[in-house]
Amino acid sequence: MTETTEADQLADRAADVTVSAPEILGRGFMSYERYEVSLRRDGEPPLLQRRDVVRAGRVAAVVPIDLTRDTVVLIRQFRLPAHFATGRGDMVEVVAGRVEDGEAATVAARRECIEEIGIAPERLIELYSVLPTPGFTDEQITFFAGFLDSSAVSERGGVADEDEDTQPFVVSIDEALAALGDGRIANALLYSALQWLALNRARLPELFNRAV
């Protein structure tokens, strides 16, 4: 019998599961699907579940950093679900967007920067990936650090045919990190990105040299 270590306990792993073909509940910008699931654990009878999933797919998110000025570029964008949840739908966010079918996440990251803040990073490095709401959607977000000249950022961004309207702005890294603790921001992607930045700020010159 193989002994389970603490490291093993802390790692996500494949499940012994059978999943039905999807029942399409609705289609819009994303697909809303229902599945019948049979989950097996350690010789116990199968656990039968019915689960509804929003098929959102892959997302690339970018923390645009200006090492010379010690600043980050963020955006402001309206989010209807946030409006419903908190009444503060005009959210502060990092650059982020869908990775198209067949597209590399790095390509999507550069494209989203051009679309949302008007400039592509001079260098880009992949950081980590997360599933923000795995009980509801298969959305997988890959974060990047993008190094750029923040003085070249546009005053307005967004893709017109997607009804997207983003308002880029530049703030000091100190001010961005201060916003983590005082309730000004609620966007999970921004929280995750700023927490990473707080933990890795001293390594930014090293990451810049490794970026491509």
N, C-alpha and C. Protein backbone atom coordinates (compact mmCIF):
# COMPACT_ATOMS: atom_id res chain seq x y z
N MET A 1 0.84 -1.20 0.00
CA MET A 1 0.00 0.00 0.00
C MET A 1 0.88 1.25 0.00
N THR A 2 0.61 2.15 -0.89
CA THR A 2 1.41 3.37 -1.01
C THR A 2 0.98 4.38 0.04
N GLU A 3 1.95 4.89 0.78
CA GLU A 3 1.64 5.88 1.82
C GLU A 3 1.34 7.23 1.18
N THR A 4 0.28 7.89 1.66
CA THR A 4 -0.09 9.21 1.15
C THR A 4 0.62 10.28 1.95
N THR A 5 1.38 11.12 1.28
CA THR A 5 2.10 12.19 1.94
C THR A 5 1.23 13.45 2.00
N GLU A 6 1.66 14.42 2.79
CA GLU A 6 0.94 15.69 2.85
C GLU A 6 0.96 16.38 1.50
N ALA A 7 2.07 16.24 0.77
CA ALA A 7 2.15 16.85 -0.56
C ALA A 7 1.11 16.23 -1.49
N ASP A 8 0.93 14.90 -1.39
CA ASP A 8 -0.10 14.24 -2.19
C ASP A 8 -1.48 14.74 -1.83
N GLN A 9 -1.74 14.92 -0.53
CA GLN A 9 -3.05 15.38 -0.08
C GLN A 9 -3.38 16.76 -0.61
N LEU A 10 -2.37 17.57 -0.83
CA LEU A 10 -2.59 18.95 -1.26
C LEU A 10 -2.67 19.11 -2.77
N ALA A 11 -2.54 18.01 -3.52
CA ALA A 11 -2.54 18.10 -4.98
C ALA A 11 -3.89 17.67 -5.56
N ASP A 12 -4.41 18.45 -6.52
CA ASP A 12 -5.57 18.01 -7.28
C ASP A 12 -5.21 16.72 -8.01
N ARG A 13 -6.20 15.85 -8.24
CA ARG A 13 -5.92 14.59 -8.92
C ARG A 13 -7.10 14.19 -9.79
N ALA A 14 -6.86 13.27 -10.71
CA ALA A 14 -7.92 12.77 -11.58
C ALA A 14 -8.93 11.98 -10.74
N ALA A 15 -10.21 12.06 -11.12
CA ALA A 15 -11.28 11.35 -10.41
C ALA A 15 -11.70 10.11 -11.18
N ASP A 16 -12.18 9.10 -10.45
CA ASP A 16 -12.76 7.91 -11.05
C ASP A 16 -14.23 8.24 -11.31
N VAL A 17 -14.53 8.73 -12.49
CA VAL A 17 -15.85 9.31 -12.75
C VAL A 17 -16.31 8.99 -14.17
N THR A 18 -17.61 8.81 -14.31
CA THR A 18 -18.24 8.67 -15.62
C THR A 18 -19.18 9.85 -15.82
N VAL A 19 -19.06 10.50 -16.97
CA VAL A 19 -19.84 11.71 -17.25
C VAL A 19 -20.66 11.48 -18.51
N SER A 20 -21.94 11.81 -18.45
CA SER A 20 -22.84 11.63 -19.59
C SER A 20 -22.55 12.64 -20.69
N ALA A 21 -23.16 12.43 -21.83
CA ALA A 21 -23.18 13.46 -22.86
C ALA A 21 -23.96 14.67 -22.34
N PRO A 22 -23.64 15.87 -22.81
CA PRO A 22 -24.31 17.06 -22.27
C PRO A 22 -25.74 17.22 -22.75
N GLU A 23 -26.57 17.74 -21.86
CA GLU A 23 -27.89 18.24 -22.23
C GLU A 23 -27.77 19.77 -22.31
N ILE A 24 -28.02 20.34 -23.47
CA ILE A 24 -27.85 21.78 -23.66
C ILE A 24 -29.03 22.51 -23.03
N LEU A 25 -28.76 23.31 -22.01
CA LEU A 25 -29.80 24.09 -21.35
C LEU A 25 -29.95 25.47 -21.97
N GLY A 26 -28.88 25.97 -22.57
CA GLY A 26 -28.95 27.28 -23.19
C GLY A 26 -27.65 27.64 -23.87
N ARG A 27 -27.73 28.48 -24.88
CA ARG A 27 -26.54 28.96 -25.57
C ARG A 27 -26.62 30.47 -25.73
N GLY A 28 -25.52 31.12 -25.45
CA GLY A 28 -25.39 32.55 -25.65
C GLY A 28 -23.94 32.83 -25.92
N PHE A 29 -23.35 33.76 -25.17
CA PHE A 29 -21.92 34.00 -25.28
C PHE A 29 -21.16 32.74 -24.87
N MET A 30 -21.76 31.97 -23.93
CA MET A 30 -21.22 30.69 -23.51
C MET A 30 -22.34 29.65 -23.55
N SER A 31 -21.94 28.37 -23.41
CA SER A 31 -22.90 27.28 -23.41
C SER A 31 -23.20 26.85 -21.98
N TYR A 32 -24.49 26.63 -21.68
CA TYR A 32 -24.94 26.19 -20.36
C TYR A 32 -25.43 24.76 -20.50
N GLU A 33 -24.75 23.80 -19.82
CA GLU A 33 -24.99 22.38 -20.07
C GLU A 33 -25.24 21.62 -18.77
N ARG A 34 -26.01 20.52 -18.89
CA ARG A 34 -26.30 19.65 -17.74
C ARG A 34 -25.71 18.27 -17.98
N TYR A 35 -25.15 17.69 -16.92
CA TYR A 35 -24.51 16.37 -17.00
C TYR A 35 -25.00 15.47 -15.88
N GLU A 36 -25.09 14.17 -16.17
CA GLU A 36 -25.29 13.14 -15.16
C GLU A 36 -23.93 12.54 -14.86
N VAL A 37 -23.60 12.46 -13.57
CA VAL A 37 -22.25 12.08 -13.14
C VAL A 37 -22.33 10.88 -12.20
N SER A 38 -21.44 9.92 -12.41
CA SER A 38 -21.29 8.78 -11.50
C SER A 38 -19.86 8.81 -10.95
N LEU A 39 -19.73 9.09 -9.65
CA LEU A 39 -18.42 9.27 -9.02
C LEU A 39 -18.14 8.10 -8.08
N ARG A 40 -16.99 7.49 -8.25
CA ARG A 40 -16.61 6.33 -7.43
C ARG A 40 -15.41 6.66 -6.56
N ARG A 41 -15.49 6.21 -5.27
CA ARG A 41 -14.39 6.44 -4.32
C ARG A 41 -14.14 5.19 -3.49
N ASP A 42 -12.95 4.63 -3.60
CA ASP A 42 -12.46 3.59 -2.70
C ASP A 42 -13.43 2.44 -2.49
N GLY A 43 -14.00 1.89 -3.57
CA GLY A 43 -14.84 0.72 -3.47
C GLY A 43 -16.25 0.97 -2.96
N GLU A 44 -16.60 2.22 -2.69
CA GLU A 44 -17.96 2.54 -2.22
C GLU A 44 -18.92 2.52 -3.41
N PRO A 45 -20.23 2.40 -3.16
CA PRO A 45 -21.20 2.48 -4.25
C PRO A 45 -21.06 3.83 -4.97
N PRO A 46 -21.31 3.86 -6.27
CA PRO A 46 -21.17 5.13 -7.01
C PRO A 46 -22.07 6.22 -6.45
N LEU A 47 -21.55 7.43 -6.40
CA LEU A 47 -22.32 8.60 -6.00
C LEU A 47 -22.87 9.24 -7.28
N LEU A 48 -24.19 9.30 -7.40
CA LEU A 48 -24.81 9.85 -8.60
C LEU A 48 -25.12 11.33 -8.38
N GLN A 49 -24.71 12.13 -9.33
CA GLN A 49 -24.90 13.58 -9.23
C GLN A 49 -25.46 14.13 -10.54
N ARG A 50 -26.17 15.24 -10.44
CA ARG A 50 -26.56 16.02 -11.61
C ARG A 50 -25.92 17.39 -11.46
N ARG A 51 -25.16 17.80 -12.48
CA ARG A 51 -24.43 19.05 -12.38
C ARG A 51 -24.63 19.90 -13.63
N ASP A 52 -24.88 21.19 -13.41
CA ASP A 52 -25.00 22.16 -14.50
C ASP A 52 -23.70 22.95 -14.58
N VAL A 53 -23.22 23.15 -15.81
CA VAL A 53 -21.90 23.77 -16.01
C VAL A 53 -21.99 24.84 -17.10
N VAL A 54 -21.42 26.00 -16.82
CA VAL A 54 -21.19 27.01 -17.86
C VAL A 54 -19.84 26.71 -18.48
N ARG A 55 -19.83 26.41 -19.79
CA ARG A 55 -18.60 26.05 -20.48
C ARG A 55 -17.90 27.33 -20.97
N ALA A 56 -17.05 27.86 -20.12
CA ALA A 56 -16.40 29.14 -20.42
C ALA A 56 -15.03 28.97 -21.06
N GLY A 57 -14.34 27.84 -20.79
CA GLY A 57 -13.07 27.58 -21.44
C GLY A 57 -11.91 28.38 -20.87
N ARG A 58 -10.89 28.60 -21.71
CA ARG A 58 -9.63 29.19 -21.27
C ARG A 58 -9.65 30.72 -21.34
N VAL A 59 -8.95 31.33 -20.40
CA VAL A 59 -8.81 32.79 -20.32
C VAL A 59 -7.35 33.12 -20.07
N ALA A 60 -6.87 34.18 -20.70
CA ALA A 60 -5.54 34.72 -20.41
C ALA A 60 -5.71 36.03 -19.66
N ALA A 61 -4.99 36.16 -18.53
CA ALA A 61 -5.02 37.39 -17.74
C ALA A 61 -3.60 37.93 -17.62
N VAL A 62 -3.47 39.24 -17.67
CA VAL A 62 -2.14 39.87 -17.69
C VAL A 62 -2.05 40.94 -16.61
N VAL A 63 -0.93 40.91 -15.87
CA VAL A 63 -0.59 41.99 -14.96
C VAL A 63 0.44 42.85 -15.68
N PRO A 64 0.04 44.00 -16.26
CA PRO A 64 0.99 44.84 -16.99
C PRO A 64 1.83 45.67 -16.01
N ILE A 65 3.14 45.50 -16.06
CA ILE A 65 4.06 46.09 -15.09
C ILE A 65 5.06 46.98 -15.81
N ASP A 66 5.27 48.17 -15.24
CA ASP A 66 6.32 49.08 -15.73
C ASP A 66 7.40 49.12 -14.66
N LEU A 67 8.50 48.41 -14.90
CA LEU A 67 9.57 48.35 -13.90
C LEU A 67 10.26 49.70 -13.70
N THR A 68 10.38 50.48 -14.77
CA THR A 68 11.06 51.77 -14.67
C THR A 68 10.31 52.73 -13.76
N ARG A 69 8.99 52.75 -13.88
CA ARG A 69 8.17 53.68 -13.10
C ARG A 69 7.59 53.05 -11.84
N ASP A 70 7.79 51.74 -11.65
CA ASP A 70 7.27 51.01 -10.49
C ASP A 70 5.74 51.13 -10.43
N THR A 71 5.12 50.89 -11.60
CA THR A 71 3.67 51.03 -11.71
C THR A 71 3.06 49.78 -12.34
N VAL A 72 1.74 49.68 -12.20
CA VAL A 72 0.97 48.65 -12.90
C VAL A 72 -0.15 49.34 -13.66
N VAL A 73 -0.60 48.68 -14.73
CA VAL A 73 -1.71 49.18 -15.52
C VAL A 73 -2.93 48.32 -15.22
N LEU A 74 -4.00 48.96 -14.78
CA LEU A 74 -5.26 48.28 -14.51
C LEU A 74 -6.33 48.86 -15.43
N ILE A 75 -7.50 48.25 -15.43
CA ILE A 75 -8.60 48.78 -16.23
C ILE A 75 -9.86 48.86 -15.37
N ARG A 76 -10.76 49.71 -15.82
CA ARG A 76 -12.10 49.79 -15.22
C ARG A 76 -13.10 49.32 -16.27
N GLN A 77 -14.01 48.41 -15.86
CA GLN A 77 -14.96 47.84 -16.81
C GLN A 77 -16.26 47.49 -16.07
N PHE A 78 -17.41 47.74 -16.72
CA PHE A 78 -18.69 47.43 -16.11
C PHE A 78 -18.99 45.94 -16.21
N ARG A 79 -19.44 45.34 -15.08
CA ARG A 79 -19.82 43.93 -15.02
C ARG A 79 -21.23 43.83 -14.42
N LEU A 80 -22.17 43.36 -15.23
CA LEU A 80 -23.56 43.27 -14.78
C LEU A 80 -23.72 42.34 -13.57
N PRO A 81 -23.11 41.13 -13.53
CA PRO A 81 -23.26 40.30 -12.34
C PRO A 81 -22.75 40.97 -11.07
N ALA A 82 -21.66 41.73 -11.17
CA ALA A 82 -21.16 42.46 -10.00
C ALA A 82 -22.16 43.53 -9.57
N HIS A 83 -22.81 44.17 -10.54
CA HIS A 83 -23.85 45.15 -10.24
C HIS A 83 -24.98 44.50 -9.45
N PHE A 84 -25.39 43.30 -9.89
CA PHE A 84 -26.44 42.57 -9.18
C PHE A 84 -25.99 42.19 -7.77
N ALA A 85 -24.73 41.76 -7.64
CA ALA A 85 -24.25 41.21 -6.36
C ALA A 85 -23.98 42.28 -5.31
N THR A 86 -23.35 43.38 -5.73
CA THR A 86 -22.88 44.36 -4.74
C THR A 86 -23.34 45.78 -5.00
N GLY A 87 -23.89 46.04 -6.19
CA GLY A 87 -24.22 47.41 -6.56
C GLY A 87 -23.02 48.21 -7.03
N ARG A 88 -21.84 47.55 -7.12
CA ARG A 88 -20.61 48.22 -7.58
C ARG A 88 -20.12 47.51 -8.83
N GLY A 89 -20.84 47.72 -9.92
CA GLY A 89 -20.55 47.03 -11.16
C GLY A 89 -19.44 47.64 -11.98
N ASP A 90 -19.02 48.85 -11.67
CA ASP A 90 -17.93 49.50 -12.39
C ASP A 90 -16.63 49.07 -11.74
N MET A 91 -16.11 47.90 -12.17
CA MET A 91 -15.05 47.21 -11.44
C MET A 91 -13.65 47.57 -11.91
N VAL A 92 -12.70 47.46 -10.99
CA VAL A 92 -11.28 47.55 -11.33
C VAL A 92 -10.78 46.13 -11.57
N GLU A 93 -10.04 45.94 -12.68
CA GLU A 93 -9.64 44.60 -13.10
C GLU A 93 -8.23 44.62 -13.68
N VAL A 94 -7.71 43.41 -13.91
CA VAL A 94 -6.53 43.25 -14.75
C VAL A 94 -7.00 42.98 -16.18
N VAL A 95 -6.10 43.12 -17.12
CA VAL A 95 -6.39 42.75 -18.50
C VAL A 95 -6.69 41.26 -18.56
N ALA A 96 -7.77 40.89 -19.25
CA ALA A 96 -8.12 39.46 -19.37
C ALA A 96 -9.09 39.27 -20.51
N GLY A 97 -9.07 38.06 -21.09
CA GLY A 97 -10.02 37.75 -22.15
C GLY A 97 -9.90 36.30 -22.58
N ARG A 98 -10.86 35.88 -23.40
CA ARG A 98 -10.94 34.49 -23.84
C ARG A 98 -9.77 34.11 -24.76
N VAL A 99 -9.31 32.89 -24.59
CA VAL A 99 -8.36 32.30 -25.52
C VAL A 99 -9.16 31.59 -26.60
N GLU A 100 -8.98 31.99 -27.84
CA GLU A 100 -9.76 31.43 -28.93
C GLU A 100 -9.34 29.99 -29.21
N ASP A 101 -10.23 29.22 -29.85
CA ASP A 101 -9.91 27.84 -30.22
C ASP A 101 -8.64 27.81 -31.08
N GLY A 102 -7.70 26.97 -30.70
CA GLY A 102 -6.46 26.84 -31.45
C GLY A 102 -5.44 27.93 -31.19
N GLU A 103 -5.76 28.88 -30.32
CA GLU A 103 -4.86 30.00 -30.03
C GLU A 103 -4.01 29.68 -28.81
N ALA A 104 -2.73 30.05 -28.84
CA ALA A 104 -1.88 29.91 -27.66
C ALA A 104 -2.24 30.98 -26.64
N ALA A 105 -2.13 30.63 -25.36
CA ALA A 105 -2.49 31.58 -24.31
C ALA A 105 -1.61 32.83 -24.36
N THR A 106 -0.33 32.67 -24.74
CA THR A 106 0.55 33.83 -24.84
C THR A 106 0.10 34.78 -25.94
N VAL A 107 -0.38 34.23 -27.05
CA VAL A 107 -0.89 35.06 -28.14
C VAL A 107 -2.13 35.82 -27.68
N ALA A 108 -3.02 35.12 -26.97
CA ALA A 108 -4.22 35.77 -26.45
C ALA A 108 -3.87 36.87 -25.45
N ALA A 109 -2.86 36.63 -24.63
CA ALA A 109 -2.45 37.62 -23.64
C ALA A 109 -1.99 38.92 -24.31
N ARG A 110 -1.19 38.79 -25.35
CA ARG A 110 -0.72 39.98 -26.08
C ARG A 110 -1.90 40.69 -26.77
N ARG A 111 -2.78 39.89 -27.40
CA ARG A 111 -3.92 40.46 -28.10
C ARG A 111 -4.83 41.23 -27.13
N GLU A 112 -5.08 40.64 -25.96
CA GLU A 112 -5.95 41.30 -24.99
C GLU A 112 -5.35 42.61 -24.49
N CYS A 113 -4.03 42.66 -24.33
CA CYS A 113 -3.40 43.91 -23.92
C CYS A 113 -3.61 44.99 -24.98
N ILE A 114 -3.43 44.63 -26.23
CA ILE A 114 -3.64 45.59 -27.32
C ILE A 114 -5.09 46.08 -27.32
N GLU A 115 -6.03 45.16 -27.15
CA GLU A 115 -7.44 45.51 -27.20
C GLU A 115 -7.87 46.36 -26.00
N GLU A 116 -7.36 46.03 -24.80
CA GLU A 116 -7.91 46.64 -23.59
C GLU A 116 -7.12 47.83 -23.06
N ILE A 117 -5.80 47.88 -23.34
CA ILE A 117 -5.02 49.03 -22.87
C ILE A 117 -4.24 49.72 -23.99
N GLY A 118 -4.37 49.19 -25.21
CA GLY A 118 -3.82 49.87 -26.37
C GLY A 118 -2.35 49.65 -26.63
N ILE A 119 -1.71 48.71 -25.92
CA ILE A 119 -0.29 48.47 -26.13
C ILE A 119 0.03 47.03 -25.80
N ALA A 120 0.93 46.43 -26.57
CA ALA A 120 1.36 45.05 -26.30
C ALA A 120 2.56 45.08 -25.35
N PRO A 121 2.68 44.08 -24.49
CA PRO A 121 3.86 44.01 -23.62
C PRO A 121 5.13 43.84 -24.45
N GLU A 122 6.22 44.46 -23.99
CA GLU A 122 7.52 44.25 -24.63
C GLU A 122 8.03 42.84 -24.31
N ARG A 123 7.73 42.36 -23.10
CA ARG A 123 8.09 41.00 -22.68
C ARG A 123 6.93 40.41 -21.88
N LEU A 124 6.82 39.08 -21.96
CA LEU A 124 5.69 38.39 -21.35
C LEU A 124 6.19 37.09 -20.75
N ILE A 125 5.71 36.77 -19.52
CA ILE A 125 6.10 35.50 -18.90
C ILE A 125 4.88 34.89 -18.21
N GLU A 126 4.69 33.58 -18.41
CA GLU A 126 3.56 32.89 -17.79
C GLU A 126 3.85 32.67 -16.30
N LEU A 127 2.81 32.86 -15.47
CA LEU A 127 2.97 32.77 -14.03
C LEU A 127 2.31 31.52 -13.44
N TYR A 128 1.00 31.40 -13.54
CA TYR A 128 0.26 30.30 -12.92
C TYR A 128 -1.13 30.24 -13.52
N SER A 129 -1.85 29.14 -13.24
CA SER A 129 -3.22 28.98 -13.72
C SER A 129 -4.14 28.61 -12.56
N VAL A 130 -5.39 29.07 -12.62
CA VAL A 130 -6.38 28.77 -11.58
C VAL A 130 -7.74 28.48 -12.22
N LEU A 131 -8.58 27.77 -11.45
CA LEU A 131 -9.99 27.59 -11.78
C LEU A 131 -10.77 28.44 -10.78
N PRO A 132 -11.29 29.61 -11.17
CA PRO A 132 -11.86 30.54 -10.20
C PRO A 132 -13.15 30.06 -9.54
N THR A 133 -14.01 29.33 -10.27
CA THR A 133 -15.28 28.86 -9.72
C THR A 133 -15.54 27.45 -10.23
N PRO A 134 -14.79 26.44 -9.77
CA PRO A 134 -14.89 25.10 -10.35
C PRO A 134 -16.20 24.38 -10.06
N GLY A 135 -17.00 24.89 -9.14
CA GLY A 135 -18.30 24.29 -8.89
C GLY A 135 -19.37 24.72 -9.88
N PHE A 136 -19.03 25.67 -10.76
CA PHE A 136 -20.04 26.26 -11.65
C PHE A 136 -19.61 26.34 -13.10
N THR A 137 -18.29 26.53 -13.33
CA THR A 137 -17.81 26.72 -14.69
C THR A 137 -16.46 26.06 -14.88
N ASP A 138 -16.15 25.67 -16.13
CA ASP A 138 -14.84 25.09 -16.45
C ASP A 138 -13.82 26.16 -16.82
N GLU A 139 -14.12 27.41 -16.57
CA GLU A 139 -13.19 28.49 -16.89
C GLU A 139 -11.84 28.27 -16.22
N GLN A 140 -10.77 28.31 -17.02
CA GLN A 140 -9.41 28.16 -16.53
C GLN A 140 -8.62 29.40 -16.93
N ILE A 141 -8.06 30.09 -15.94
CA ILE A 141 -7.39 31.36 -16.18
C ILE A 141 -5.89 31.20 -16.00
N THR A 142 -5.14 31.55 -17.04
CA THR A 142 -3.68 31.55 -16.98
C THR A 142 -3.21 32.99 -16.86
N PHE A 143 -2.43 33.25 -15.81
CA PHE A 143 -1.93 34.60 -15.54
C PHE A 143 -0.53 34.79 -16.12
N PHE A 144 -0.30 36.00 -16.61
CA PHE A 144 0.99 36.40 -17.15
C PHE A 144 1.42 37.71 -16.51
N ALA A 145 2.72 37.92 -16.43
CA ALA A 145 3.26 39.26 -16.17
C ALA A 145 3.70 39.82 -17.52
N GLY A 146 3.22 41.01 -17.82
CA GLY A 146 3.60 41.68 -19.06
C GLY A 146 4.38 42.94 -18.73
N PHE A 147 5.57 43.08 -19.26
CA PHE A 147 6.43 44.23 -18.97
C PHE A 147 6.34 45.23 -20.12
N LEU A 148 6.06 46.50 -19.77
CA LEU A 148 5.80 47.51 -20.80
C LEU A 148 6.13 48.91 -20.30
N ASP A 149 5.97 49.86 -21.21
CA ASP A 149 6.13 51.29 -20.91
C ASP A 149 4.73 51.85 -20.67
N SER A 150 4.40 52.12 -19.42
CA SER A 150 3.03 52.53 -19.09
C SER A 150 2.66 53.90 -19.63
N SER A 151 3.66 54.70 -20.05
CA SER A 151 3.34 56.02 -20.60
C SER A 151 2.65 55.91 -21.95
N ALA A 152 2.71 54.73 -22.59
CA ALA A 152 2.11 54.55 -23.92
C ALA A 152 0.71 53.96 -23.86
N VAL A 153 0.16 53.79 -22.67
CA VAL A 153 -1.17 53.19 -22.52
C VAL A 153 -2.25 54.13 -23.05
N SER A 154 -3.27 53.57 -23.70
CA SER A 154 -4.36 54.36 -24.26
C SER A 154 -5.28 54.90 -23.16
N GLU A 155 -6.05 55.93 -23.49
CA GLU A 155 -7.04 56.46 -22.56
C GLU A 155 -8.31 55.61 -22.55
N ARG A 156 -8.55 54.88 -23.64
CA ARG A 156 -9.77 54.06 -23.75
C ARG A 156 -9.43 52.81 -24.53
N GLY A 157 -10.13 51.70 -24.22
CA GLY A 157 -9.90 50.45 -24.92
C GLY A 157 -11.18 49.67 -25.07
N GLY A 158 -11.04 48.46 -25.62
CA GLY A 158 -12.21 47.60 -25.81
C GLY A 158 -12.45 47.33 -27.29
N VAL A 159 -13.15 46.22 -27.54
CA VAL A 159 -13.48 45.81 -28.91
C VAL A 159 -14.92 46.22 -29.19
N ALA A 160 -15.10 47.07 -30.19
CA ALA A 160 -16.41 47.66 -30.45
C ALA A 160 -17.46 46.61 -30.78
N ASP A 161 -17.10 45.61 -31.61
CA ASP A 161 -18.11 44.64 -32.01
C ASP A 161 -18.44 43.63 -30.91
N GLU A 162 -17.75 43.72 -29.77
CA GLU A 162 -18.09 42.92 -28.61
C GLU A 162 -18.76 43.77 -27.53
N ASP A 163 -19.10 45.02 -27.87
CA ASP A 163 -19.69 45.97 -26.91
C ASP A 163 -18.82 46.12 -25.67
N GLU A 164 -17.51 46.08 -25.87
CA GLU A 164 -16.57 46.15 -24.76
C GLU A 164 -16.06 47.57 -24.61
N ASP A 165 -16.02 48.05 -23.36
CA ASP A 165 -15.54 49.39 -23.08
C ASP A 165 -14.65 49.33 -21.85
N THR A 166 -13.34 49.53 -22.05
CA THR A 166 -12.40 49.49 -20.93
C THR A 166 -11.73 50.85 -20.78
N GLN A 167 -11.46 51.21 -19.54
CA GLN A 167 -10.81 52.47 -19.22
C GLN A 167 -9.50 52.17 -18.49
N PRO A 168 -8.38 52.14 -19.22
CA PRO A 168 -7.09 51.85 -18.57
C PRO A 168 -6.64 53.01 -17.68
N PHE A 169 -5.89 52.67 -16.63
CA PHE A 169 -5.26 53.69 -15.81
C PHE A 169 -4.00 53.10 -15.17
N VAL A 170 -3.10 53.97 -14.79
CA VAL A 170 -1.80 53.58 -14.25
C VAL A 170 -1.73 53.99 -12.79
N VAL A 171 -1.30 53.06 -11.92
CA VAL A 171 -1.12 53.37 -10.50
C VAL A 171 0.21 52.79 -10.03
N SER A 172 0.71 53.32 -8.94
CA SER A 172 1.94 52.78 -8.37
C SER A 172 1.67 51.39 -7.82
N ILE A 173 2.69 50.55 -7.83
CA ILE A 173 2.54 49.21 -7.25
C ILE A 173 2.19 49.32 -5.77
N ASP A 174 2.77 50.27 -5.06
CA ASP A 174 2.44 50.45 -3.64
C ASP A 174 0.95 50.69 -3.45
N GLU A 175 0.37 51.59 -4.27
CA GLU A 175 -1.05 51.90 -4.12
C GLU A 175 -1.92 50.72 -4.50
N ALA A 176 -1.52 49.99 -5.54
CA ALA A 176 -2.30 48.80 -5.94
C ALA A 176 -2.32 47.77 -4.83
N LEU A 177 -1.18 47.52 -4.21
CA LEU A 177 -1.12 46.53 -3.14
C LEU A 177 -1.88 47.00 -1.90
N ALA A 178 -1.90 48.29 -1.66
CA ALA A 178 -2.65 48.82 -0.51
C ALA A 178 -4.14 48.56 -0.65
N ALA A 179 -4.63 48.48 -1.90
CA ALA A 179 -6.06 48.25 -2.14
C ALA A 179 -6.49 46.84 -1.76
N LEU A 180 -5.53 45.94 -1.57
CA LEU A 180 -5.88 44.57 -1.19
C LEU A 180 -6.57 44.50 0.17
N GLY A 181 -6.19 45.39 1.08
CA GLY A 181 -6.64 45.24 2.46
C GLY A 181 -7.74 46.15 2.92
N ASP A 182 -8.27 47.01 2.04
CA ASP A 182 -9.22 48.00 2.54
C ASP A 182 -10.60 47.94 1.90
N GLY A 183 -10.88 46.86 1.15
CA GLY A 183 -12.24 46.67 0.64
C GLY A 183 -12.61 47.45 -0.60
N ARG A 184 -11.64 48.13 -1.23
CA ARG A 184 -11.97 48.90 -2.42
C ARG A 184 -12.25 48.03 -3.64
N ILE A 185 -11.63 46.84 -3.70
CA ILE A 185 -11.76 45.99 -4.88
C ILE A 185 -12.38 44.65 -4.50
N ALA A 186 -13.12 44.05 -5.47
CA ALA A 186 -13.76 42.76 -5.22
C ALA A 186 -13.51 41.74 -6.32
N ASN A 187 -12.86 42.15 -7.41
CA ASN A 187 -12.65 41.24 -8.53
C ASN A 187 -11.62 40.18 -8.16
N ALA A 188 -11.99 38.89 -8.29
CA ALA A 188 -11.11 37.80 -7.85
C ALA A 188 -9.83 37.73 -8.65
N LEU A 189 -9.89 37.99 -9.95
CA LEU A 189 -8.68 37.95 -10.77
C LEU A 189 -7.69 39.01 -10.32
N LEU A 190 -8.21 40.21 -10.02
CA LEU A 190 -7.34 41.28 -9.56
C LEU A 190 -6.73 40.94 -8.21
N TYR A 191 -7.54 40.39 -7.31
CA TYR A 191 -7.02 39.98 -6.00
C TYR A 191 -5.88 38.98 -6.17
N SER A 192 -6.12 37.97 -6.98
CA SER A 192 -5.11 36.93 -7.19
C SER A 192 -3.83 37.53 -7.76
N ALA A 193 -3.98 38.39 -8.76
CA ALA A 193 -2.81 38.99 -9.41
C ALA A 193 -2.02 39.87 -8.44
N LEU A 194 -2.72 40.67 -7.64
CA LEU A 194 -2.03 41.55 -6.70
C LEU A 194 -1.38 40.77 -5.57
N GLN A 195 -2.01 39.68 -5.13
CA GLN A 195 -1.38 38.85 -4.11
C GLN A 195 -0.09 38.22 -4.66
N TRP A 196 -0.15 37.77 -5.92
CA TRP A 196 1.08 37.26 -6.53
C TRP A 196 2.13 38.35 -6.58
N LEU A 197 1.73 39.56 -6.96
CA LEU A 197 2.67 40.67 -7.07
C LEU A 197 3.29 40.99 -5.71
N ALA A 198 2.49 40.95 -4.66
CA ALA A 198 3.00 41.22 -3.32
C ALA A 198 4.05 40.19 -2.91
N LEU A 199 3.82 38.93 -3.25
CA LEU A 199 4.73 37.85 -2.88
C LEU A 199 6.01 37.85 -3.72
N ASN A 200 5.92 38.36 -4.95
CA ASN A 200 7.02 38.22 -5.90
C ASN A 200 7.63 39.54 -6.36
N ARG A 201 7.30 40.61 -5.69
CA ARG A 201 7.75 41.93 -6.14
C ARG A 201 9.28 42.01 -6.25
N ALA A 202 9.97 41.43 -5.30
CA ALA A 202 11.43 41.50 -5.33
C ALA A 202 12.03 40.72 -6.49
N ARG A 203 11.27 39.78 -7.07
CA ARG A 203 11.76 38.95 -8.17
C ARG A 203 11.46 39.53 -9.55
N LEU A 204 10.81 40.68 -9.62
CA LEU A 204 10.39 41.22 -10.91
C LEU A 204 11.56 41.42 -11.88
N PRO A 205 12.70 41.97 -11.45
CA PRO A 205 13.82 42.09 -12.42
C PRO A 205 14.28 40.74 -12.95
N GLU A 206 14.30 39.73 -12.09
CA GLU A 206 14.68 38.38 -12.55
C GLU A 206 13.67 37.86 -13.56
N LEU A 207 12.37 38.04 -13.30
CA LEU A 207 11.34 37.56 -14.21
C LEU A 207 11.40 38.33 -15.53
N PHE A 208 11.71 39.62 -15.47
CA PHE A 208 11.86 40.41 -16.69
C PHE A 208 12.95 39.81 -17.58
N ASN A 209 14.04 39.42 -16.98
CA ASN A 209 15.15 38.85 -17.77
C ASN A 209 14.80 37.48 -18.35
N ARG A 210 13.86 36.76 -17.73
CA ARG A 210 13.44 35.46 -18.24
C ARG A 210 12.31 35.56 -19.25
N ALA A 211 11.62 36.71 -19.27
CA ALA A 211 10.44 36.87 -20.13
C ALA A 211 10.85 36.96 -21.59
N VAL A 212 9.89 36.67 -22.47
CA VAL A 212 10.14 36.73 -23.92
C VAL A 212 9.11 37.62 -24.60
